[in-house]
Amino acid sequence: MPFLEKRLRTNSAESGFWLGSLKEHTVLPICANMACSSGWIKLWRNRRVPIFEDAWTCSAECMTAIVEARVRRELEGRSNAPSGHRHRVPVGLVLLEQGWITQKQLKNALQAQRKAESGRIGMWLMREGLEEHLLTRALSLQWNCPVFSLEDYRPESMAALVPRLFVDNFAILPLRVAGSSLFYIAFEDRIDRCATFAIERMTGLVVEAGLVDGSEFRRTHERMLAARFPKATILETESVHGLVLALISALERLKPVKAKLVRIHDFFWLRMWHSADESSLDAIEDVLCSLMQLQ
């Protein structure tokens, strides 16, 4: 819980007079809602949780104001999330430049793709004899990212980090955490920068995104989806007001000791911890709420 860290001012905001810091001498909480009208010291209240983004509030009404401000922050940040470069060299040209395919193979693949009106060019090139690992290397050059190995991969060890809905919908494969700060995440044929940015903000880890061979990705992704994930509630709302009410309802129901909110594509991801053991599946509960106005 946040404690009284700010110095107290006198009633006159213009006096410039400050009382001493009470940080080491008090356990009196301050409501994080700057517009709180019931007074800044809540001696009579027995409310310790929920804690949302390191903020404590004296009531559900004040928490609503904090949550609404955070939702507005996420909406305003829609254009600030990293996105893929729109002018990448086509993977067929990357392969041709590296000498991994011939012009005839590329021409045949393009013709087959146009005729079928479906399928990525890599699939058609593999039908022309391209080896899968070369396609993956070309994609890594296109996206300027590493190629990862899936050796000794244990899906159950990664299930607490990303909700199952996102693993499935956005084709994410959480791989491993190196040390205590680096989180490796794999994709099949392109990097989802919006997803990696949101996961980085939620976990506090530095995310390194890369690719794995398509056949290995699909096989391992199925194993990942079969793992046990934290409890999650999936909601859909039509307005920002409805979204805020849904998030407040979850916070006041679970009363977490810690909670964070990020947006990933059209979803708002509220993660709540109801104990200090943040790595435990049973200590985590997610609310994944889509806002129809974003669609």
C-alpha atoms as a PDB file:
ATOM      1  CA  MET A   1       0.000   0.000   0.000  1.00  0.00           C
ATOM      2  CA  PRO A   2       1.240   3.472  -0.741  1.00  0.00           C
ATOM      3  CA  PHE A   3       1.995   5.466   2.394  1.00  0.00           C
ATOM      4  CA  LEU A   4       2.051   9.161   3.091  1.00  0.00           C
ATOM      5  CA  GLU A   5       5.204  10.257   1.280  1.00  0.00           C
ATOM      6  CA  LYS A   6       4.320  13.806   0.292  1.00  0.00           C
ATOM      7  CA  ARG A   7       4.925  16.679   2.621  1.00  0.00           C
ATOM      8  CA  LEU A   8       1.845  18.308   4.069  1.00  0.00           C
ATOM      9  CA  ARG A   9       0.975  21.803   3.048  1.00  0.00           C
ATOM     10  CA  THR A  10      -0.806  24.400   5.161  1.00  0.00           C
ATOM     11  CA  ASN A  11      -4.274  25.520   4.091  1.00  0.00           C
ATOM     12  CA  SER A  12      -2.720  28.351   2.158  1.00  0.00           C
ATOM     13  CA  ALA A  13      -1.350  27.022  -1.128  1.00  0.00           C
ATOM     14  CA  GLU A  14       0.539  30.265  -1.574  1.00  0.00           C
ATOM     15  CA  SER A  15       2.311  30.286   1.752  1.00  0.00           C
ATOM     16  CA  GLY A  16       5.112  28.000   0.593  1.00  0.00           C
ATOM     17  CA  PHE A  17       5.293  26.520   4.119  1.00  0.00           C
ATOM     18  CA  TRP A  18       5.868  22.730   4.332  1.00  0.00           C
ATOM     19  CA  LEU A  19       5.649  20.392   7.298  1.00  0.00           C
ATOM     20  CA  GLY A  20       8.227  17.624   7.716  1.00  0.00           C
ATOM     21  CA  SER A  21       7.983  14.363   5.803  1.00  0.00           C
ATOM     22  CA  LEU A  22       5.944  11.708   7.616  1.00  0.00           C
ATOM     23  CA  LYS A  23       7.129   8.764   5.516  1.00  0.00           C
ATOM     24  CA  GLU A  24       9.017   7.072   8.348  1.00  0.00           C
ATOM     25  CA  HIS A  25       6.554   7.952  11.082  1.00  0.00           C
ATOM     26  CA  THR A  26       3.110   6.998   9.763  1.00  0.00           C
ATOM     27  CA  VAL A  27       1.134   4.305   8.042  1.00  0.00           C
ATOM     28  CA  LEU A  28      -1.709   6.564   6.966  1.00  0.00           C
ATOM     29  CA  PRO A  29      -2.663   5.966   3.316  1.00  0.00           C
ATOM     30  CA  ILE A  30      -3.390   8.717   0.827  1.00  0.00           C
ATOM     31  CA  CYS A  31      -6.182   8.331  -1.705  1.00  0.00           C
ATOM     32  CA  ALA A  32      -4.656   8.382  -5.216  1.00  0.00           C
ATOM     33  CA  ASN A  33      -7.671  10.205  -6.612  1.00  0.00           C
ATOM     34  CA  MET A  34      -6.611  13.847  -6.633  1.00  0.00           C
ATOM     35  CA  ALA A  35     -10.284  14.885  -6.838  1.00  0.00           C
ATOM     36  CA  CYS A  36     -11.255  12.919  -3.719  1.00  0.00           C
ATOM     37  CA  SER A  37     -13.646  15.095  -1.701  1.00  0.00           C
ATOM     38  CA  SER A  38     -13.779  13.132   1.547  1.00  0.00           C
ATOM     39  CA  GLY A  39     -10.405  14.198   2.916  1.00  0.00           C
ATOM     40  CA  TRP A  40      -6.915  12.883   2.359  1.00  0.00           C
ATOM     41  CA  ILE A  41      -6.466  10.935   5.631  1.00  0.00           C
ATOM     42  CA  LYS A  42      -8.864   7.979   6.040  1.00  0.00           C
ATOM     43  CA  LEU A  43      -8.376   7.056   9.697  1.00  0.00           C
ATOM     44  CA  TRP A  44     -11.830   5.498   9.970  1.00  0.00           C
ATOM     45  CA  ARG A  45     -11.621   3.265   6.917  1.00  0.00           C
ATOM     46  CA  ASN A  46     -10.597  -0.397   6.993  1.00  0.00           C
ATOM     47  CA  ARG A  47      -9.919  -0.579   3.253  1.00  0.00           C
ATOM     48  CA  ARG A  48      -6.490  -1.908   2.296  1.00  0.00           C
ATOM     49  CA  VAL A  49      -7.123  -3.283  -1.195  1.00  0.00           C
ATOM     50  CA  PRO A  50      -7.467  -3.253  -4.169  1.00  0.00           C
ATOM     51  CA  ILE A  51      -4.167  -1.800  -5.294  1.00  0.00           C
ATOM     52  CA  PHE A  52      -4.246  -0.792  -8.962  1.00  0.00           C
ATOM     53  CA  GLU A  53      -1.015   0.275 -10.686  1.00  0.00           C
ATOM     54  CA  ASP A  54       0.535   1.105  -7.313  1.00  0.00           C
ATOM     55  CA  ALA A  55      -2.461   3.278  -6.441  1.00  0.00           C
ATOM     56  CA  TRP A  56      -4.671   2.940  -3.351  1.00  0.00           C
ATOM     57  CA  THR A  57      -8.041   4.672  -3.133  1.00  0.00           C
ATOM     58  CA  CYS A  58     -10.385   5.218  -0.235  1.00  0.00           C
ATOM     59  CA  SER A  59     -13.501   3.962  -2.049  1.00  0.00           C
ATOM     60  CA  ALA A  60     -14.815   2.267  -5.170  1.00  0.00           C
ATOM     61  CA  GLU A  61     -15.862   5.686  -6.457  1.00  0.00           C
ATOM     62  CA  CYS A  62     -12.325   7.014  -6.265  1.00  0.00           C
ATOM     63  CA  MET A  63     -10.953   3.825  -7.822  1.00  0.00           C
ATOM     64  CA  THR A  64     -13.382   4.351 -10.721  1.00  0.00           C
ATOM     65  CA  ALA A  65     -11.790   7.724 -11.423  1.00  0.00           C
ATOM     66  CA  ILE A  66      -8.309   6.176 -11.436  1.00  0.00           C
ATOM     67  CA  VAL A  67      -9.322   3.297 -13.724  1.00  0.00           C
ATOM     68  CA  GLU A  68     -11.083   5.615 -16.153  1.00  0.00           C
ATOM     69  CA  ALA A  69      -7.946   7.762 -16.393  1.00  0.00           C
ATOM     70  CA  ARG A  70      -5.839   4.667 -17.140  1.00  0.00           C
ATOM     71  CA  VAL A  71      -8.290   3.508 -19.825  1.00  0.00           C
ATOM     72  CA  ARG A  72      -8.113   6.948 -21.467  1.00  0.00           C
ATOM     73  CA  ARG A  73      -4.322   6.682 -21.336  1.00  0.00           C
ATOM     74  CA  GLU A  74      -4.432   3.391 -23.229  1.00  0.00           C
ATOM     75  CA  LEU A  75      -6.834   4.798 -25.822  1.00  0.00           C
ATOM     76  CA  GLU A  76      -4.642   7.849 -26.387  1.00  0.00           C
ATOM     77  CA  GLY A  77      -1.633   5.560 -26.798  1.00  0.00           C
ATOM     78  CA  ARG A  78      -3.105   3.629 -29.710  1.00  0.00           C
ATOM     79  CA  SER A  79      -0.873   5.371 -32.242  1.00  0.00           C
ATOM     80  CA  ASN A  80       2.187   5.200 -29.973  1.00  0.00           C
ATOM     81  CA  ALA A  81       2.560   1.407 -29.824  1.00  0.00           C
ATOM     82  CA  PRO A  82       5.351   0.065 -32.020  1.00  0.00           C
ATOM     83  CA  SER A  83       4.207  -1.335 -35.339  1.00  0.00           C
ATOM     84  CA  GLY A  84       5.809  -3.230 -38.166  1.00  0.00           C
ATOM     85  CA  HIS A  85       7.533  -1.303 -40.949  1.00  0.00           C
ATOM     86  CA  ARG A  86       5.233  -1.028 -43.951  1.00  0.00           C
ATOM     87  CA  HIS A  87       7.983  -1.067 -46.585  1.00  0.00           C
ATOM     88  CA  ARG A  88       9.792  -4.354 -46.005  1.00  0.00           C
ATOM     89  CA  VAL A  89      11.594  -6.019 -48.861  1.00  0.00           C
ATOM     90  CA  PRO A  90       9.352  -8.876 -50.125  1.00  0.00           C
ATOM     91  CA  VAL A  91      10.539 -12.198 -48.799  1.00  0.00           C
ATOM     92  CA  GLY A  92      10.760 -13.583 -52.338  1.00  0.00           C
ATOM     93  CA  LEU A  93      13.317 -10.929 -53.230  1.00  0.00           C
ATOM     94  CA  VAL A  94      15.245 -11.618 -50.014  1.00  0.00           C
ATOM     95  CA  LEU A  95      15.445 -15.290 -50.956  1.00  0.00           C
ATOM     96  CA  LEU A  96      16.465 -14.436 -54.505  1.00  0.00           C
ATOM     97  CA  GLU A  97      19.155 -12.029 -53.323  1.00  0.00           C
ATOM     98  CA  GLN A  98      20.593 -14.648 -50.964  1.00  0.00           C
ATOM     99  CA  GLY A  99      20.710 -17.181 -53.782  1.00  0.00           C
ATOM    100  CA  TRP A 100      18.347 -19.572 -51.997  1.00  0.00           C
ATOM    101  CA  ILE A 101      15.854 -19.684 -54.894  1.00  0.00           C
ATOM    102  CA  THR A 102      16.021 -19.105 -58.631  1.00  0.00           C
ATOM    103  CA  GLN A 103      14.066 -16.591 -60.670  1.00  0.00           C
ATOM    104  CA  LYS A 104      12.124 -19.478 -62.185  1.00  0.00           C
ATOM    105  CA  GLN A 105      11.091 -20.746 -58.751  1.00  0.00           C
ATOM    106  CA  LEU A 106       9.946 -17.280 -57.737  1.00  0.00           C
ATOM    107  CA  LYS A 107       8.015 -16.799 -60.976  1.00  0.00           C
ATOM    108  CA  ASN A 108       6.293 -20.177 -60.651  1.00  0.00           C
ATOM    109  CA  ALA A 109       5.387 -19.503 -57.026  1.00  0.00           C
ATOM    110  CA  LEU A 110       3.929 -16.072 -57.829  1.00  0.00           C
ATOM    111  CA  GLN A 111       1.867 -17.511 -60.662  1.00  0.00           C
ATOM    112  CA  ALA A 112       0.531 -20.293 -58.428  1.00  0.00           C
ATOM    113  CA  GLN A 113      -0.314 -17.785 -55.695  1.00  0.00           C
ATOM    114  CA  ARG A 114      -2.215 -15.527 -58.105  1.00  0.00           C
ATOM    115  CA  LYS A 115      -4.093 -18.482 -59.575  1.00  0.00           C
ATOM    116  CA  ALA A 116      -5.109 -19.839 -56.166  1.00  0.00           C
ATOM    117  CA  GLU A 117      -5.801 -16.341 -54.761  1.00  0.00           C
ATOM    118  CA  SER A 118      -4.644 -17.593 -51.367  1.00  0.00           C
ATOM    119  CA  GLY A 119      -1.589 -18.638 -49.387  1.00  0.00           C
ATOM    120  CA  ARG A 120       1.610 -16.823 -48.517  1.00  0.00           C
ATOM    121  CA  ILE A 121       4.391 -16.773 -51.072  1.00  0.00           C
ATOM    122  CA  GLY A 122       6.592 -18.834 -48.745  1.00  0.00           C
ATOM    123  CA  MET A 123       4.169 -21.742 -48.928  1.00  0.00           C
ATOM    124  CA  TRP A 124       4.252 -21.718 -52.714  1.00  0.00           C
ATOM    125  CA  LEU A 125       8.034 -21.414 -52.743  1.00  0.00           C
ATOM    126  CA  MET A 126       8.326 -24.469 -50.519  1.00  0.00           C
ATOM    127  CA  ARG A 127       6.254 -26.339 -53.086  1.00  0.00           C
ATOM    128  CA  GLU A 128       8.883 -25.269 -55.588  1.00  0.00           C
ATOM    129  CA  GLY A 129      11.580 -26.927 -53.483  1.00  0.00           C
ATOM    130  CA  LEU A 130      12.599 -24.220 -50.967  1.00  0.00           C
ATOM    131  CA  GLU A 131      13.716 -25.677 -47.624  1.00  0.00           C
ATOM    132  CA  GLU A 132      11.747 -24.456 -44.622  1.00  0.00           C
ATOM    133  CA  HIS A 133      14.760 -23.363 -42.579  1.00  0.00           C
ATOM    134  CA  LEU A 134      15.852 -21.081 -45.449  1.00  0.00           C
ATOM    135  CA  LEU A 135      12.411 -19.508 -45.582  1.00  0.00           C
ATOM    136  CA  THR A 136      12.613 -18.834 -41.830  1.00  0.00           C
ATOM    137  CA  ARG A 137      16.069 -17.282 -42.224  1.00  0.00           C
ATOM    138  CA  ALA A 138      14.774 -15.039 -45.006  1.00  0.00           C
ATOM    139  CA  LEU A 139      11.833 -13.950 -42.854  1.00  0.00           C
ATOM    140  CA  SER A 140      14.223 -13.153 -40.016  1.00  0.00           C
ATOM    141  CA  LEU A 141      16.217 -10.950 -42.379  1.00  0.00           C
ATOM    142  CA  GLN A 142      13.007  -9.288 -43.524  1.00  0.00           C
ATOM    143  CA  TRP A 143      11.936  -8.565 -39.941  1.00  0.00           C
ATOM    144  CA  ASN A 144      15.455  -7.983 -38.583  1.00  0.00           C
ATOM    145  CA  CYS A 145      15.017 -10.502 -35.795  1.00  0.00           C
ATOM    146  CA  PRO A 146      16.682 -13.734 -34.590  1.00  0.00           C
ATOM    147  CA  VAL A 147      15.653 -17.328 -35.287  1.00  0.00           C
ATOM    148  CA  PHE A 148      15.020 -19.259 -32.065  1.00  0.00           C
ATOM    149  CA  SER A 149      15.442 -22.917 -31.177  1.00  0.00           C
ATOM    150  CA  LEU A 150      12.682 -24.875 -29.422  1.00  0.00           C
ATOM    151  CA  GLU A 151      15.030 -27.404 -27.866  1.00  0.00           C
ATOM    152  CA  ASP A 152      13.992 -28.469 -24.339  1.00  0.00           C
ATOM    153  CA  TYR A 153      10.924 -26.223 -24.479  1.00  0.00           C
ATOM    154  CA  ARG A 154       8.536 -26.536 -21.498  1.00  0.00           C
ATOM    155  CA  PRO A 155       5.172 -24.834 -22.199  1.00  0.00           C
ATOM    156  CA  GLU A 156       3.893 -25.187 -18.641  1.00  0.00           C
ATOM    157  CA  SER A 157       6.710 -22.961 -17.357  1.00  0.00           C
ATOM    158  CA  MET A 158       5.524 -20.081 -19.571  1.00  0.00           C
ATOM    159  CA  ALA A 159       1.764 -20.272 -19.042  1.00  0.00           C
ATOM    160  CA  ALA A 160       1.679 -17.669 -16.265  1.00  0.00           C
ATOM    161  CA  LEU A 161       3.146 -14.917 -18.444  1.00  0.00           C
ATOM    162  CA  VAL A 162       0.633 -14.487 -21.295  1.00  0.00           C
ATOM    163  CA  PRO A 163      -3.128 -15.251 -21.301  1.00  0.00           C
ATOM    164  CA  ARG A 164      -4.250 -18.227 -23.382  1.00  0.00           C
ATOM    165  CA  LEU A 165      -6.526 -15.998 -25.473  1.00  0.00           C
ATOM    166  CA  PHE A 166      -3.538 -13.960 -26.667  1.00  0.00           C
ATOM    167  CA  VAL A 167      -1.355 -17.011 -27.238  1.00  0.00           C
ATOM    168  CA  ASP A 168      -4.120 -18.361 -29.475  1.00  0.00           C
ATOM    169  CA  ASN A 169      -5.512 -15.241 -31.196  1.00  0.00           C
ATOM    170  CA  PHE A 170      -2.197 -13.516 -31.871  1.00  0.00           C
ATOM    171  CA  ALA A 171      -0.139 -16.677 -32.512  1.00  0.00           C
ATOM    172  CA  ILE A 172       2.313 -15.968 -29.688  1.00  0.00           C
ATOM    173  CA  LEU A 173       4.728 -18.569 -28.351  1.00  0.00           C
ATOM    174  CA  PRO A 174       6.329 -17.565 -25.028  1.00  0.00           C
ATOM    175  CA  LEU A 175       9.683 -19.318 -24.971  1.00  0.00           C
ATOM    176  CA  ARG A 176      11.731 -18.624 -21.856  1.00  0.00           C
ATOM    177  CA  VAL A 177      12.917 -15.998 -19.403  1.00  0.00           C
ATOM    178  CA  ALA A 178      16.676 -15.490 -19.258  1.00  0.00           C
ATOM    179  CA  GLY A 179      17.977 -14.398 -15.907  1.00  0.00           C
ATOM    180  CA  SER A 180      15.366 -12.124 -14.399  1.00  0.00           C
ATOM    181  CA  SER A 181      14.929  -9.507 -17.093  1.00  0.00           C
ATOM    182  CA  LEU A 182      14.838 -10.926 -20.648  1.00  0.00           C
ATOM    183  CA  PHE A 183      11.722 -12.604 -22.058  1.00  0.00           C
ATOM    184  CA  TYR A 184      11.999 -14.475 -25.371  1.00  0.00           C
ATOM    185  CA  ILE A 185       8.834 -14.696 -27.501  1.00  0.00           C
ATOM    186  CA  ALA A 186       8.496 -16.470 -30.859  1.00  0.00           C
ATOM    187  CA  PHE A 187       6.210 -16.012 -33.864  1.00  0.00           C
ATOM    188  CA  GLU A 188       5.769 -18.064 -37.004  1.00  0.00           C
ATOM    189  CA  ASP A 189       6.301 -15.652 -39.887  1.00  0.00           C
ATOM    190  CA  ARG A 190       6.052 -12.054 -38.651  1.00  0.00           C
ATOM    191  CA  ILE A 191       6.634 -10.050 -35.480  1.00  0.00           C
ATOM    192  CA  ASP A 192       3.586  -8.586 -33.728  1.00  0.00           C
ATOM    193  CA  ARG A 193       5.102  -5.415 -32.269  1.00  0.00           C
ATOM    194  CA  CYS A 194       1.856  -4.335 -30.602  1.00  0.00           C
ATOM    195  CA  ALA A 195       1.681  -7.635 -28.710  1.00  0.00           C
ATOM    196  CA  THR A 196       5.331  -7.604 -27.654  1.00  0.00           C
ATOM    197  CA  PHE A 197       5.063  -3.992 -26.497  1.00  0.00           C
ATOM    198  CA  ALA A 198       2.005  -4.780 -24.332  1.00  0.00           C
ATOM    199  CA  ILE A 199       3.619  -7.904 -22.847  1.00  0.00           C
ATOM    200  CA  GLU A 200       6.759  -5.932 -22.039  1.00  0.00           C
ATOM    201  CA  ARG A 201       4.730  -3.312 -20.199  1.00  0.00           C
ATOM    202  CA  MET A 202       2.711  -5.899 -18.300  1.00  0.00           C
ATOM    203  CA  THR A 203       5.583  -8.162 -17.233  1.00  0.00           C
ATOM    204  CA  GLY A 204       8.246  -5.516 -16.739  1.00  0.00           C
ATOM    205  CA  LEU A 205      10.626  -7.742 -18.713  1.00  0.00           C
ATOM    206  CA  VAL A 206      12.587  -6.777 -21.815  1.00  0.00           C
ATOM    207  CA  VAL A 207      10.983  -8.719 -24.672  1.00  0.00           C
ATOM    208  CA  GLU A 208      13.150 -10.187 -27.438  1.00  0.00           C
ATOM    209  CA  ALA A 209      10.964 -11.364 -30.325  1.00  0.00           C
ATOM    210  CA  GLY A 210      12.036 -13.795 -33.021  1.00  0.00           C
ATOM    211  CA  LEU A 211      10.873 -16.538 -35.375  1.00  0.00           C
ATOM    212  CA  VAL A 212      10.917 -20.319 -35.470  1.00  0.00           C
ATOM    213  CA  ASP A 213      10.321 -22.708 -38.381  1.00  0.00           C
ATOM    214  CA  GLY A 214       6.633 -22.811 -39.244  1.00  0.00           C
ATOM    215  CA  SER A 215       6.153 -26.556 -38.759  1.00  0.00           C
ATOM    216  CA  GLU A 216       7.879 -26.446 -35.356  1.00  0.00           C
ATOM    217  CA  PHE A 217       5.906 -23.376 -34.351  1.00  0.00           C
ATOM    218  CA  ARG A 218       2.531 -24.968 -35.124  1.00  0.00           C
ATOM    219  CA  ARG A 219       3.389 -28.204 -33.333  1.00  0.00           C
ATOM    220  CA  THR A 220       4.729 -26.445 -30.243  1.00  0.00           C
ATOM    221  CA  HIS A 221       1.938 -23.854 -30.251  1.00  0.00           C
ATOM    222  CA  GLU A 222      -0.582 -26.693 -29.857  1.00  0.00           C
ATOM    223  CA  ARG A 223       1.368 -27.938 -26.848  1.00  0.00           C
ATOM    224  CA  MET A 224       1.365 -24.444 -25.381  1.00  0.00           C
ATOM    225  CA  LEU A 225      -2.402 -24.129 -25.773  1.00  0.00           C
ATOM    226  CA  ALA A 226      -2.868 -27.399 -23.896  1.00  0.00           C
ATOM    227  CA  ALA A 227      -1.056 -26.064 -20.813  1.00  0.00           C
ATOM    228  CA  ARG A 228      -2.840 -24.738 -17.744  1.00  0.00           C
ATOM    229  CA  PHE A 229      -3.163 -20.934 -17.782  1.00  0.00           C
ATOM    230  CA  PRO A 230      -4.283 -18.446 -15.116  1.00  0.00           C
ATOM    231  CA  LYS A 231      -8.011 -17.968 -14.676  1.00  0.00           C
ATOM    232  CA  ALA A 232      -9.386 -15.478 -17.205  1.00  0.00           C
ATOM    233  CA  THR A 233     -12.692 -13.728 -17.810  1.00  0.00           C
ATOM    234  CA  ILE A 234     -13.439 -12.556 -21.352  1.00  0.00           C
ATOM    235  CA  LEU A 235     -15.833  -9.633 -21.806  1.00  0.00           C
ATOM    236  CA  GLU A 236     -17.058  -7.337 -24.564  1.00  0.00           C
ATOM    237  CA  THR A 237     -18.309  -3.798 -23.978  1.00  0.00           C
ATOM    238  CA  GLU A 238     -19.806  -1.185 -26.252  1.00  0.00           C
ATOM    239  CA  SER A 239     -18.436   1.945 -24.587  1.00  0.00           C
ATOM    240  CA  VAL A 240     -15.607   3.282 -22.468  1.00  0.00           C
ATOM    241  CA  HIS A 241     -18.064   3.665 -19.590  1.00  0.00           C
ATOM    242  CA  GLY A 242     -19.030   0.003 -19.837  1.00  0.00           C
ATOM    243  CA  LEU A 243     -15.374  -0.986 -19.977  1.00  0.00           C
ATOM    244  CA  VAL A 244     -14.553   1.000 -16.831  1.00  0.00           C
ATOM    245  CA  LEU A 245     -17.503  -0.536 -14.968  1.00  0.00           C
ATOM    246  CA  ALA A 246     -16.369  -4.035 -15.950  1.00  0.00           C
ATOM    247  CA  LEU A 247     -12.815  -3.385 -14.749  1.00  0.00           C
ATOM    248  CA  ILE A 248     -13.998  -1.814 -11.491  1.00  0.00           C
ATOM    249  CA  SER A 249     -16.309  -4.759 -10.854  1.00  0.00           C
ATOM    250  CA  ALA A 250     -13.377  -7.153 -11.216  1.00  0.00           C
ATOM    251  CA  LEU A 251     -11.086  -5.085  -8.989  1.00  0.00           C
ATOM    252  CA  GLU A 252     -13.653  -4.706  -6.221  1.00  0.00           C
ATOM    253  CA  ARG A 253     -14.578  -8.401  -6.419  1.00  0.00           C
ATOM    254  CA  LEU A 254     -11.078  -9.838  -6.239  1.00  0.00           C
ATOM    255  CA  LYS A 255      -9.480  -6.994  -4.248  1.00  0.00           C
ATOM    256  CA  PRO A 256      -5.978  -7.703  -5.582  1.00  0.00           C
ATOM    257  CA  VAL A 257      -2.781  -6.729  -3.818  1.00  0.00           C
ATOM    258  CA  LYS A 258      -1.482  -5.693  -7.243  1.00  0.00           C
ATOM    259  CA  ALA A 259      -3.097  -5.003 -10.624  1.00  0.00           C
ATOM    260  CA  LYS A 260      -1.996  -3.595 -13.998  1.00  0.00           C
ATOM    261  CA  LEU A 261      -3.761  -2.600 -17.210  1.00  0.00           C
ATOM    262  CA  VAL A 262      -2.437  -2.577 -20.785  1.00  0.00           C
ATOM    263  CA  ARG A 263      -4.045  -2.639 -24.220  1.00  0.00           C
ATOM    264  CA  ILE A 264      -3.121  -5.203 -26.847  1.00  0.00           C
ATOM    265  CA  HIS A 265      -4.812  -4.592 -30.198  1.00  0.00           C
ATOM    266  CA  ASP A 266      -8.578  -4.420 -29.478  1.00  0.00           C
ATOM    267  CA  PHE A 267      -8.314  -5.923 -25.985  1.00  0.00           C
ATOM    268  CA  PHE A 268      -7.768  -4.320 -22.603  1.00  0.00           C
ATOM    269  CA  TRP A 269      -5.806  -6.704 -20.397  1.00  0.00           C
ATOM    270  CA  LEU A 270      -6.294  -6.319 -16.659  1.00  0.00           C
ATOM    271  CA  ARG A 271      -4.034  -8.642 -14.673  1.00  0.00           C
ATOM    272  CA  MET A 272      -4.655  -9.014 -10.945  1.00  0.00           C
ATOM    273  CA  TRP A 273      -2.581 -10.732  -8.261  1.00  0.00           C
ATOM    274  CA  HIS A 274      -4.273 -11.730  -5.020  1.00  0.00           C
ATOM    275  CA  SER A 275      -1.067 -12.781  -3.247  1.00  0.00           C
ATOM    276  CA  ALA A 276       2.581 -11.772  -3.159  1.00  0.00           C
ATOM    277  CA  ASP A 277       3.606 -14.898  -5.105  1.00  0.00           C
ATOM    278  CA  GLU A 278       3.286 -13.297  -8.545  1.00  0.00           C
ATOM    279  CA  SER A 279       4.633 -16.322 -10.430  1.00  0.00           C
ATOM    280  CA  SER A 280       1.944 -18.711  -9.194  1.00  0.00           C
ATOM    281  CA  LEU A 281      -0.896 -19.526 -11.595  1.00  0.00           C
ATOM    282  CA  ASP A 282      -3.336 -19.577  -8.697  1.00  0.00           C
ATOM    283  CA  ALA A 283      -2.306 -16.079  -7.610  1.00  0.00           C
ATOM    284  CA  ILE A 284      -3.231 -14.546 -10.986  1.00  0.00           C
ATOM    285  CA  GLU A 285      -6.557 -13.657 -12.549  1.00  0.00           C
ATOM    286  CA  ASP A 286      -6.985 -11.906 -15.893  1.00  0.00           C
ATOM    287  CA  VAL A 287      -9.840  -9.860 -17.316  1.00  0.00           C
ATOM    288  CA  LEU A 288      -9.661  -9.533 -21.106  1.00  0.00           C
ATOM    289  CA  CYS A 289     -12.151  -6.990 -22.347  1.00  0.00           C
ATOM    290  CA  SER A 290     -12.700  -5.895 -25.942  1.00  0.00           C
ATOM    291  CA  LEU A 291     -14.109  -2.461 -26.684  1.00  0.00           C
ATOM    292  CA  MET A 292     -16.376  -2.472 -29.722  1.00  0.00           C
ATOM    293  CA  GLN A 293     -15.628   1.199 -30.437  1.00  0.00           C
ATOM    294  CA  LEU A 294     -12.074   0.192 -31.380  1.00  0.00           C
ATOM    295  CA  GLN A 295     -13.302  -2.153 -34.115  1.00  0.00           C
END
